[in-house]
């Protein structure tokens, strides 16, 4: 078979194959309609997932499935109910190694300051509301006069620390008689009597007198000094014998407001002067009191 006959034979085969394809395509056009189903298939029912009972060997798996219908993330393994949730009941006395030294309560609670001693440390640490007590012990939530409230980081409980009572002078209960305490004679809780020579002796050494107590100014909302708060008083000092306590805020002397260090010096000069009496306006536990000192 020569080359020409080979080409003719291949051409005939290809032509027949093309004609067969066309005939098959036309045949499908006629029979395609009968290939579709007469009725649509039944609708498929979607069943909602129902978790198996919680009991049994697989209960822990179903109970901790994060894709459950309630869409709630289960608590961590081993957690007890209420764990890591703040306990917002009433504050309870704290057992933390914290000692409250003094407080400065501002009209704006965020600006109030408390002075603390931690453990056996001999240094004082100032803290504010929302501040962290050193060593990450707690977060301060409120500062009151002679009291600080905080949230213990370990227990998440609200706890509080109060200032320890100053060393109290023992008086005969119900006697109603003046009681002598050193140079000062106590007539009542707010009335005292002193001798002029004792005052001159006590006030002769100003540096020593200033070391027996520490006063800090308490600022008002307008930036002015409201009073001078006694942040610390040495036990047995003249301030203690005069009936003053830590946390007292001295507002006035003989009716004149103490709003500057210069006015505070007037109190000192009045003690050394010839006045026969001194009246101190003192704020204690949020209430105003008048302390009277009769000088003979």
C-alpha atoms as a PDB file:
ATOM      1  CA  UNK A   1       0.000   0.000   0.000  1.00  0.00           C
ATOM      2  CA  UNK A   2       1.469   3.237  -1.125  1.00  0.00           C
ATOM      3  CA  UNK A   3       1.392   6.482   0.789  1.00  0.00           C
ATOM      4  CA  UNK A   4      -1.602   7.852  -1.099  1.00  0.00           C
ATOM      5  CA  UNK A   5      -3.788   4.887  -0.289  1.00  0.00           C
ATOM      6  CA  UNK A   6      -2.789   5.158   3.403  1.00  0.00           C
ATOM      7  CA  UNK A   7      -3.883   8.774   3.576  1.00  0.00           C
ATOM      8  CA  UNK A   8      -7.227   7.928   1.942  1.00  0.00           C
ATOM      9  CA  UNK A   9      -7.876   5.094   4.397  1.00  0.00           C
ATOM     10  CA  UNK A  10      -7.127   7.275   7.463  1.00  0.00           C
ATOM     11  CA  UNK A  11      -9.325  10.068   6.087  1.00  0.00           C
ATOM     12  CA  UNK A  12     -12.274   7.683   5.653  1.00  0.00           C
ATOM     13  CA  UNK A  13     -11.888   6.417   9.240  1.00  0.00           C
ATOM     14  CA  UNK A  14     -11.838   9.944  10.674  1.00  0.00           C
ATOM     15  CA  UNK A  15     -14.846  10.940   8.632  1.00  0.00           C
ATOM     16  CA  UNK A  16     -16.823   7.945   9.856  1.00  0.00           C
ATOM     17  CA  UNK A  17     -15.870   8.695  13.474  1.00  0.00           C
ATOM     18  CA  UNK A  18     -17.015  12.319  13.113  1.00  0.00           C
ATOM     19  CA  UNK A  19     -20.312  11.242  11.598  1.00  0.00           C
ATOM     20  CA  UNK A  20     -20.824   8.758  14.430  1.00  0.00           C
ATOM     21  CA  UNK A  21     -20.258  11.515  17.031  1.00  0.00           C
ATOM     22  CA  UNK A  22     -22.799  13.780  15.339  1.00  0.00           C
ATOM     23  CA  UNK A  23     -25.374  11.024  15.162  1.00  0.00           C
ATOM     24  CA  UNK A  24     -24.856  10.192  18.863  1.00  0.00           C
ATOM     25  CA  UNK A  25     -25.280  13.850  19.827  1.00  0.00           C
ATOM     26  CA  UNK A  26     -28.547  14.147  17.885  1.00  0.00           C
ATOM     27  CA  UNK A  27     -29.727  10.902  19.440  1.00  0.00           C
ATOM     28  CA  UNK A  28     -29.182  12.303  22.958  1.00  0.00           C
ATOM     29  CA  UNK A  29     -31.361  15.304  22.086  1.00  0.00           C
ATOM     30  CA  UNK A  30     -34.286  13.008  21.451  1.00  0.00           C
ATOM     31  CA  UNK A  31     -33.886  10.710  24.467  1.00  0.00           C
ATOM     32  CA  UNK A  32     -32.715  13.299  27.058  1.00  0.00           C
ATOM     33  CA  UNK A  33     -36.225  14.167  28.214  1.00  0.00           C
ATOM     34  CA  UNK A  34     -36.967  10.602  29.216  1.00  0.00           C
ATOM     35  CA  UNK A  35     -33.873  10.464  31.429  1.00  0.00           C
ATOM     36  CA  UNK A  36     -35.226  12.977  34.035  1.00  0.00           C
ATOM     37  CA  UNK A  37     -37.235  11.591  37.052  1.00  0.00           C
ATOM     38  CA  UNK A  38     -40.974  11.995  36.803  1.00  0.00           C
ATOM     39  CA  UNK A  39     -41.300  13.073  40.514  1.00  0.00           C
ATOM     40  CA  UNK A  40     -38.827  15.098  42.631  1.00  0.00           C
ATOM     41  CA  UNK A  41     -36.971  13.179  45.350  1.00  0.00           C
ATOM     42  CA  UNK A  42     -38.409  13.435  48.914  1.00  0.00           C
ATOM     43  CA  UNK A  43     -37.111  16.321  51.073  1.00  0.00           C
ATOM     44  CA  UNK A  44     -34.308  15.373  53.390  1.00  0.00           C
ATOM     45  CA  UNK A  45     -35.127  15.742  57.083  1.00  0.00           C
ATOM     46  CA  UNK A  46     -32.527  17.603  59.152  1.00  0.00           C
ATOM     47  CA  UNK A  47     -32.374  16.187  62.652  1.00  0.00           C
ATOM     48  CA  UNK A  48     -31.061  18.325  65.537  1.00  0.00           C
ATOM     49  CA  UNK A  49     -28.165  16.916  67.445  1.00  0.00           C
ATOM     50  CA  UNK A  50     -29.195  15.552  70.813  1.00  0.00           C
ATOM     51  CA  UNK A  51     -26.329  14.964  73.211  1.00  0.00           C
ATOM     52  CA  UNK A  52     -26.315  11.594  74.894  1.00  0.00           C
ATOM     53  CA  UNK A  53     -27.097  11.319  78.618  1.00  0.00           C
ATOM     54  CA  UNK A  54     -24.448  12.793  80.890  1.00  0.00           C
ATOM     55  CA  UNK A  55     -24.009   9.536  82.732  1.00  0.00           C
ATOM     56  CA  UNK A  56     -21.947   6.622  81.649  1.00  0.00           C
ATOM     57  CA  UNK A  57     -18.361   6.276  80.624  1.00  0.00           C
ATOM     58  CA  UNK A  58     -18.592   9.051  78.004  1.00  0.00           C
ATOM     59  CA  UNK A  59     -20.340  11.621  80.212  1.00  0.00           C
ATOM     60  CA  UNK A  60     -17.217  13.723  80.753  1.00  0.00           C
ATOM     61  CA  UNK A  61     -16.741  14.012  76.975  1.00  0.00           C
ATOM     62  CA  UNK A  62     -20.235  15.293  76.301  1.00  0.00           C
ATOM     63  CA  UNK A  63     -20.232  17.619  79.301  1.00  0.00           C
ATOM     64  CA  UNK A  64     -17.017  19.286  78.194  1.00  0.00           C
ATOM     65  CA  UNK A  65     -17.903  19.567  74.517  1.00  0.00           C
ATOM     66  CA  UNK A  66     -17.448  23.255  73.598  1.00  0.00           C
ATOM     67  CA  UNK A  67     -19.775  22.767  70.597  1.00  0.00           C
ATOM     68  CA  UNK A  68     -22.809  21.912  72.719  1.00  0.00           C
ATOM     69  CA  UNK A  69     -26.125  23.626  72.060  1.00  0.00           C
ATOM     70  CA  UNK A  70     -25.686  26.001  75.055  1.00  0.00           C
ATOM     71  CA  UNK A  71     -22.459  27.349  73.492  1.00  0.00           C
ATOM     72  CA  UNK A  72     -20.842  27.796  76.900  1.00  0.00           C
ATOM     73  CA  UNK A  73     -17.202  27.084  77.555  1.00  0.00           C
ATOM     74  CA  UNK A  74     -16.952  24.604  80.442  1.00  0.00           C
ATOM     75  CA  UNK A  75     -14.838  25.499  83.518  1.00  0.00           C
ATOM     76  CA  UNK A  76     -11.300  24.294  83.743  1.00  0.00           C
ATOM     77  CA  UNK A  77     -10.730  20.748  84.955  1.00  0.00           C
ATOM     78  CA  UNK A  78     -10.645  20.537  88.739  1.00  0.00           C
ATOM     79  CA  UNK A  79     -12.123  24.009  89.287  1.00  0.00           C
ATOM     80  CA  UNK A  80     -14.599  24.353  92.109  1.00  0.00           C
ATOM     81  CA  UNK A  81     -17.762  26.387  91.840  1.00  0.00           C
ATOM     82  CA  UNK A  82     -17.070  30.079  92.252  1.00  0.00           C
ATOM     83  CA  UNK A  83     -13.298  29.666  91.938  1.00  0.00           C
ATOM     84  CA  UNK A  84     -11.429  32.792  90.745  1.00  0.00           C
ATOM     85  CA  UNK A  85     -14.581  34.880  91.112  1.00  0.00           C
ATOM     86  CA  UNK A  86     -14.336  37.988  93.325  1.00  0.00           C
ATOM     87  CA  UNK A  87     -16.152  37.624  96.628  1.00  0.00           C
ATOM     88  CA  UNK A  88     -17.989  40.938  96.984  1.00  0.00           C
ATOM     89  CA  UNK A  89     -19.428  40.394 100.436  1.00  0.00           C
ATOM     90  CA  UNK A  90     -18.706  42.791 103.304  1.00  0.00           C
ATOM     91  CA  UNK A  91     -14.977  43.329 103.995  1.00  0.00           C
ATOM     92  CA  UNK A  92     -13.450  41.087 106.632  1.00  0.00           C
ATOM     93  CA  UNK A  93     -10.412  41.736 108.866  1.00  0.00           C
ATOM     94  CA  UNK A  94      -7.232  40.911 106.982  1.00  0.00           C
ATOM     95  CA  UNK A  95      -4.464  38.607 108.151  1.00  0.00           C
ATOM     96  CA  UNK A  96      -1.913  40.016 105.699  1.00  0.00           C
ATOM     97  CA  UNK A  97       1.312  41.367 107.268  1.00  0.00           C
ATOM     98  CA  UNK A  98       0.230  44.980 106.736  1.00  0.00           C
ATOM     99  CA  UNK A  99       0.113  47.804 109.276  1.00  0.00           C
ATOM    100  CA  UNK A 100      -1.826  50.987 108.556  1.00  0.00           C
ATOM    101  CA  UNK A 101       0.208  53.990 109.697  1.00  0.00           C
ATOM    102  CA  UNK A 102      -2.016  56.854 108.559  1.00  0.00           C
ATOM    103  CA  UNK A 103      -4.491  58.051 105.953  1.00  0.00           C
ATOM    104  CA  UNK A 104      -5.170  61.292 104.105  1.00  0.00           C
ATOM    105  CA  UNK A 105      -8.765  61.290 102.871  1.00  0.00           C
ATOM    106  CA  UNK A 106      -9.446  63.636  99.958  1.00  0.00           C
ATOM    107  CA  UNK A 107     -12.787  64.893  98.675  1.00  0.00           C
ATOM    108  CA  UNK A 108     -11.924  63.055  95.466  1.00  0.00           C
ATOM    109  CA  UNK A 109     -11.547  59.413  96.635  1.00  0.00           C
ATOM    110  CA  UNK A 110      -9.013  58.720  93.876  1.00  0.00           C
ATOM    111  CA  UNK A 111      -6.621  61.218  95.489  1.00  0.00           C
ATOM    112  CA  UNK A 112      -6.781  59.741  98.978  1.00  0.00           C
ATOM    113  CA  UNK A 113      -3.507  58.280 100.273  1.00  0.00           C
ATOM    114  CA  UNK A 114      -2.718  55.651 102.907  1.00  0.00           C
ATOM    115  CA  UNK A 115       0.664  54.989 104.489  1.00  0.00           C
ATOM    116  CA  UNK A 116       1.477  51.309 105.126  1.00  0.00           C
ATOM    117  CA  UNK A 117       4.167  49.215 106.770  1.00  0.00           C
ATOM    118  CA  UNK A 118       4.739  45.762 105.307  1.00  0.00           C
ATOM    119  CA  UNK A 119       5.856  42.895 107.516  1.00  0.00           C
ATOM    120  CA  UNK A 120       9.024  43.587 109.456  1.00  0.00           C
ATOM    121  CA  UNK A 121      10.136  46.381 107.117  1.00  0.00           C
ATOM    122  CA  UNK A 122      10.780  49.685 108.849  1.00  0.00           C
ATOM    123  CA  UNK A 123       9.856  51.806 105.840  1.00  0.00           C
ATOM    124  CA  UNK A 124       6.487  53.336 105.039  1.00  0.00           C
ATOM    125  CA  UNK A 125       4.878  52.826 101.645  1.00  0.00           C
ATOM    126  CA  UNK A 126       2.241  55.226 100.270  1.00  0.00           C
ATOM    127  CA  UNK A 127      -0.636  53.758  98.265  1.00  0.00           C
ATOM    128  CA  UNK A 128      -3.653  55.258  96.511  1.00  0.00           C
ATOM    129  CA  UNK A 129      -7.081  53.936  95.566  1.00  0.00           C
ATOM    130  CA  UNK A 130      -6.751  51.338  92.759  1.00  0.00           C
ATOM    131  CA  UNK A 131      -3.055  51.054  93.619  1.00  0.00           C
ATOM    132  CA  UNK A 132      -1.257  47.758  94.165  1.00  0.00           C
ATOM    133  CA  UNK A 133       0.150  47.030  97.616  1.00  0.00           C
ATOM    134  CA  UNK A 134       3.824  45.997  97.176  1.00  0.00           C
ATOM    135  CA  UNK A 135       4.661  42.336  96.670  1.00  0.00           C
ATOM    136  CA  UNK A 136       1.358  42.130  94.738  1.00  0.00           C
ATOM    137  CA  UNK A 137      -0.526  41.438  97.939  1.00  0.00           C
ATOM    138  CA  UNK A 138      -3.748  43.308  97.164  1.00  0.00           C
ATOM    139  CA  UNK A 139      -5.440  46.128  95.270  1.00  0.00           C
ATOM    140  CA  UNK A 140      -6.709  49.108  97.270  1.00  0.00           C
ATOM    141  CA  UNK A 141     -10.424  49.781  96.730  1.00  0.00           C
ATOM    142  CA  UNK A 142     -11.209  52.412  99.370  1.00  0.00           C
ATOM    143  CA  UNK A 143      -9.388  54.615 101.860  1.00  0.00           C
ATOM    144  CA  UNK A 144     -11.225  55.883 104.916  1.00  0.00           C
ATOM    145  CA  UNK A 145     -10.152  57.656 108.056  1.00  0.00           C
ATOM    146  CA  UNK A 146      -8.146  55.155 110.116  1.00  0.00           C
ATOM    147  CA  UNK A 147      -9.157  52.340 107.736  1.00  0.00           C
ATOM    148  CA  UNK A 148      -8.192  50.916 104.344  1.00  0.00           C
ATOM    149  CA  UNK A 149     -10.163  48.389 102.283  1.00  0.00           C
ATOM    150  CA  UNK A 150      -8.521  46.226  99.616  1.00  0.00           C
ATOM    151  CA  UNK A 151      -9.028  43.054  97.574  1.00  0.00           C
ATOM    152  CA  UNK A 152      -6.698  40.244  98.593  1.00  0.00           C
ATOM    153  CA  UNK A 153      -5.102  38.810  95.445  1.00  0.00           C
ATOM    154  CA  UNK A 154      -4.776  35.368  96.997  1.00  0.00           C
ATOM    155  CA  UNK A 155      -8.346  34.919  98.234  1.00  0.00           C
ATOM    156  CA  UNK A 156     -10.093  37.544  96.039  1.00  0.00           C
ATOM    157  CA  UNK A 157     -11.918  38.652  99.193  1.00  0.00           C
ATOM    158  CA  UNK A 158     -12.533  42.224 100.281  1.00  0.00           C
ATOM    159  CA  UNK A 159     -10.528  42.782 103.458  1.00  0.00           C
ATOM    160  CA  UNK A 160      -9.658  45.757 105.621  1.00  0.00           C
ATOM    161  CA  UNK A 161      -6.951  46.996 107.964  1.00  0.00           C
ATOM    162  CA  UNK A 162      -7.553  49.581 110.698  1.00  0.00           C
ATOM    163  CA  UNK A 163      -5.053  51.729 112.513  1.00  0.00           C
ATOM    164  CA  UNK A 164      -4.149  50.402 115.908  1.00  0.00           C
ATOM    165  CA  UNK A 165      -5.513  52.408 118.808  1.00  0.00           C
ATOM    166  CA  UNK A 166      -3.072  54.799 120.334  1.00  0.00           C
ATOM    167  CA  UNK A 167      -1.771  53.988 123.769  1.00  0.00           C
ATOM    168  CA  UNK A 168      -4.671  54.960 125.965  1.00  0.00           C
ATOM    169  CA  UNK A 169      -4.401  56.837 129.241  1.00  0.00           C
ATOM    170  CA  UNK A 170      -6.055  55.070 132.117  1.00  0.00           C
ATOM    171  CA  UNK A 171      -8.658  57.137 133.926  1.00  0.00           C
ATOM    172  CA  UNK A 172     -10.853  56.195 136.861  1.00  0.00           C
ATOM    173  CA  UNK A 173     -14.109  55.182 135.229  1.00  0.00           C
ATOM    174  CA  UNK A 174     -17.070  57.228 136.314  1.00  0.00           C
ATOM    175  CA  UNK A 175     -15.122  59.248 138.876  1.00  0.00           C
ATOM    176  CA  UNK A 176     -15.628  62.557 137.021  1.00  0.00           C
ATOM    177  CA  UNK A 177     -12.537  63.973 138.745  1.00  0.00           C
ATOM    178  CA  UNK A 178      -9.572  65.612 136.965  1.00  0.00           C
ATOM    179  CA  UNK A 179      -6.730  63.195 136.268  1.00  0.00           C
ATOM    180  CA  UNK A 180      -3.121  64.301 136.217  1.00  0.00           C
ATOM    181  CA  UNK A 181      -1.027  62.985 133.327  1.00  0.00           C
ATOM    182  CA  UNK A 182       2.430  64.461 133.451  1.00  0.00           C
ATOM    183  CA  UNK A 183       2.258  68.208 132.888  1.00  0.00           C
ATOM    184  CA  UNK A 184      -1.352  68.004 131.662  1.00  0.00           C
ATOM    185  CA  UNK A 185      -4.482  67.732 133.807  1.00  0.00           C
ATOM    186  CA  UNK A 186      -7.407  66.188 131.966  1.00  0.00           C
ATOM    187  CA  UNK A 187     -10.738  67.666 132.970  1.00  0.00           C
ATOM    188  CA  UNK A 188     -12.792  65.900 130.268  1.00  0.00           C
ATOM    189  CA  UNK A 189     -12.243  64.379 126.853  1.00  0.00           C
ATOM    190  CA  UNK A 190     -11.941  67.849 125.308  1.00  0.00           C
ATOM    191  CA  UNK A 191     -10.890  70.052 128.234  1.00  0.00           C
ATOM    192  CA  UNK A 192      -7.367  70.196 129.635  1.00  0.00           C
ATOM    193  CA  UNK A 193      -5.404  72.345 132.037  1.00  0.00           C
ATOM    194  CA  UNK A 194      -1.686  73.243 131.968  1.00  0.00           C
ATOM    195  CA  UNK A 195       0.697  75.461 133.871  1.00  0.00           C
ATOM    196  CA  UNK A 196       2.558  78.291 132.158  1.00  0.00           C
ATOM    197  CA  UNK A 197       5.971  77.134 133.358  1.00  0.00           C
ATOM    198  CA  UNK A 198       5.317  73.607 132.037  1.00  0.00           C
ATOM    199  CA  UNK A 199       4.365  74.983 128.608  1.00  0.00           C
ATOM    200  CA  UNK A 200       7.510  77.117 128.446  1.00  0.00           C
ATOM    201  CA  UNK A 201       9.591  74.076 129.335  1.00  0.00           C
ATOM    202  CA  UNK A 202       7.919  71.832 126.758  1.00  0.00           C
ATOM    203  CA  UNK A 203       8.183  74.377 123.946  1.00  0.00           C
ATOM    204  CA  UNK A 204      11.729  75.465 124.631  1.00  0.00           C
ATOM    205  CA  UNK A 205      13.174  72.886 122.215  1.00  0.00           C
ATOM    206  CA  UNK A 206      11.324  73.211 118.897  1.00  0.00           C
ATOM    207  CA  UNK A 207      13.324  70.498 116.981  1.00  0.00           C
ATOM    208  CA  UNK A 208      12.572  67.950 119.704  1.00  0.00           C
ATOM    209  CA  UNK A 209       8.913  68.981 119.715  1.00  0.00           C
ATOM    210  CA  UNK A 210       8.662  68.513 115.944  1.00  0.00           C
ATOM    211  CA  UNK A 211      10.151  65.009 116.158  1.00  0.00           C
ATOM    212  CA  UNK A 212       7.382  63.825 118.476  1.00  0.00           C
ATOM    213  CA  UNK A 213       4.720  64.084 115.739  1.00  0.00           C
ATOM    214  CA  UNK A 214       4.442  64.349 111.979  1.00  0.00           C
ATOM    215  CA  UNK A 215       1.752  66.459 110.330  1.00  0.00           C
ATOM    216  CA  UNK A 216       0.927  66.585 106.611  1.00  0.00           C
ATOM    217  CA  UNK A 217      -1.381  69.061 104.876  1.00  0.00           C
ATOM    218  CA  UNK A 218      -4.704  67.798 103.571  1.00  0.00           C
ATOM    219  CA  UNK A 219      -5.579  69.467 100.298  1.00  0.00           C
ATOM    220  CA  UNK A 220      -9.120  70.427  99.331  1.00  0.00           C
ATOM    221  CA  UNK A 221     -10.732  70.212  95.871  1.00  0.00           C
ATOM    222  CA  UNK A 222      -9.726  73.816  95.128  1.00  0.00           C
ATOM    223  CA  UNK A 223      -6.080  73.125  95.921  1.00  0.00           C
ATOM    224  CA  UNK A 224      -6.092  74.910  99.284  1.00  0.00           C
ATOM    225  CA  UNK A 225      -4.973  73.405 102.591  1.00  0.00           C
ATOM    226  CA  UNK A 226      -8.027  72.241 104.570  1.00  0.00           C
ATOM    227  CA  UNK A 227      -6.143  71.219 107.693  1.00  0.00           C
ATOM    228  CA  UNK A 228      -2.986  69.535 108.945  1.00  0.00           C
ATOM    229  CA  UNK A 229      -3.397  65.819 109.578  1.00  0.00           C
ATOM    230  CA  UNK A 230      -1.364  64.121 112.307  1.00  0.00           C
ATOM    231  CA  UNK A 231       0.079  61.167 110.405  1.00  0.00           C
ATOM    232  CA  UNK A 232       2.115  59.891 113.344  1.00  0.00           C
ATOM    233  CA  UNK A 233       2.448  60.636 117.069  1.00  0.00           C
ATOM    234  CA  UNK A 234       5.161  59.267 119.332  1.00  0.00           C
ATOM    235  CA  UNK A 235       3.760  57.265 122.282  1.00  0.00           C
ATOM    236  CA  UNK A 236       3.945  59.197 125.544  1.00  0.00           C
ATOM    237  CA  UNK A 237       4.611  62.513 123.767  1.00  0.00           C
ATOM    238  CA  UNK A 238       3.114  65.845 124.789  1.00  0.00           C
ATOM    239  CA  UNK A 239       0.702  65.563 121.846  1.00  0.00           C
ATOM    240  CA  UNK A 240      -0.721  62.361 123.270  1.00  0.00           C
ATOM    241  CA  UNK A 241      -1.060  63.888 126.736  1.00  0.00           C
ATOM    242  CA  UNK A 242      -2.917  66.814 125.162  1.00  0.00           C
ATOM    243  CA  UNK A 243      -5.566  64.373 123.950  1.00  0.00           C
ATOM    244  CA  UNK A 244      -4.525  64.308 120.296  1.00  0.00           C
ATOM    245  CA  UNK A 245      -4.591  61.087 118.256  1.00  0.00           C
ATOM    246  CA  UNK A 246      -3.108  59.897 115.032  1.00  0.00           C
ATOM    247  CA  UNK A 247      -5.465  60.806 112.200  1.00  0.00           C
ATOM    248  CA  UNK A 248      -6.702  64.033 113.838  1.00  0.00           C
ATOM    249  CA  UNK A 249      -6.766  66.978 111.458  1.00  0.00           C
ATOM    250  CA  UNK A 250      -6.084  70.385 113.033  1.00  0.00           C
ATOM    251  CA  UNK A 251      -8.290  73.016 111.373  1.00  0.00           C
ATOM    252  CA  UNK A 252      -8.055  76.116 113.549  1.00  0.00           C
ATOM    253  CA  UNK A 253      -6.392  77.751 116.535  1.00  0.00           C
ATOM    254  CA  UNK A 254      -8.525  80.147 118.590  1.00  0.00           C
ATOM    255  CA  UNK A 255     -11.019  80.321 115.723  1.00  0.00           C
ATOM    256  CA  UNK A 256      -8.435  81.146 113.018  1.00  0.00           C
ATOM    257  CA  UNK A 257      -8.013  78.557 110.273  1.00  0.00           C
ATOM    258  CA  UNK A 258      -4.693  76.763 109.876  1.00  0.00           C
ATOM    259  CA  UNK A 259      -4.139  76.791 106.121  1.00  0.00           C
ATOM    260  CA  UNK A 260      -0.394  77.396 105.863  1.00  0.00           C
ATOM    261  CA  UNK A 261       2.844  76.586 107.729  1.00  0.00           C
ATOM    262  CA  UNK A 262       2.906  80.206 108.902  1.00  0.00           C
ATOM    263  CA  UNK A 263      -0.433  79.754 110.619  1.00  0.00           C
ATOM    264  CA  UNK A 264       0.868  76.553 112.179  1.00  0.00           C
ATOM    265  CA  UNK A 265       3.723  78.546 113.691  1.00  0.00           C
ATOM    266  CA  UNK A 266       1.140  80.843 115.265  1.00  0.00           C
ATOM    267  CA  UNK A 267      -0.092  77.840 117.238  1.00  0.00           C
ATOM    268  CA  UNK A 268       3.438  77.332 118.523  1.00  0.00           C
ATOM    269  CA  UNK A 269       3.845  81.008 119.395  1.00  0.00           C
ATOM    270  CA  UNK A 270       0.447  81.007 121.139  1.00  0.00           C
ATOM    271  CA  UNK A 271       1.645  78.232 123.416  1.00  0.00           C
ATOM    272  CA  UNK A 272       4.700  80.298 124.326  1.00  0.00           C
ATOM    273  CA  UNK A 273       2.738  83.550 124.625  1.00  0.00           C
ATOM    274  CA  UNK A 274       0.689  84.980 127.409  1.00  0.00           C
ATOM    275  CA  UNK A 275      -2.685  83.653 126.307  1.00  0.00           C
ATOM    276  CA  UNK A 276      -4.738  82.211 129.136  1.00  0.00           C
ATOM    277  CA  UNK A 277      -6.453  79.672 126.941  1.00  0.00           C
ATOM    278  CA  UNK A 278      -6.131  77.921 123.592  1.00  0.00           C
ATOM    279  CA  UNK A 279      -8.940  76.433 121.533  1.00  0.00           C
ATOM    280  CA  UNK A 280      -8.118  73.883 118.826  1.00  0.00           C
ATOM    281  CA  UNK A 281     -10.611  73.041 116.086  1.00  0.00           C
ATOM    282  CA  UNK A 282      -9.966  69.371 115.273  1.00  0.00           C
ATOM    283  CA  UNK A 283     -11.644  67.044 112.827  1.00  0.00           C
ATOM    284  CA  UNK A 284     -11.742  63.475 114.152  1.00  0.00           C
ATOM    285  CA  UNK A 285     -13.440  60.571 112.394  1.00  0.00           C
ATOM    286  CA  UNK A 286     -15.238  63.012 110.085  1.00  0.00           C
ATOM    287  CA  UNK A 287     -16.656  65.129 112.944  1.00  0.00           C
ATOM    288  CA  UNK A 288     -15.524  68.567 114.158  1.00  0.00           C
ATOM    289  CA  UNK A 289     -14.452  68.890 117.803  1.00  0.00           C
ATOM    290  CA  UNK A 290     -13.196  71.768 119.955  1.00  0.00           C
ATOM    291  CA  UNK A 291     -10.354  71.069 122.377  1.00  0.00           C
ATOM    292  CA  UNK A 292      -9.921  73.643 125.126  1.00  0.00           C
ATOM    293  CA  UNK A 293      -6.666  74.153 127.002  1.00  0.00           C
ATOM    294  CA  UNK A 294      -6.737  76.351 130.088  1.00  0.00           C
ATOM    295  CA  UNK A 295      -3.330  77.833 130.903  1.00  0.00           C
ATOM    296  CA  UNK A 296      -2.678  78.920 134.485  1.00  0.00           C
END
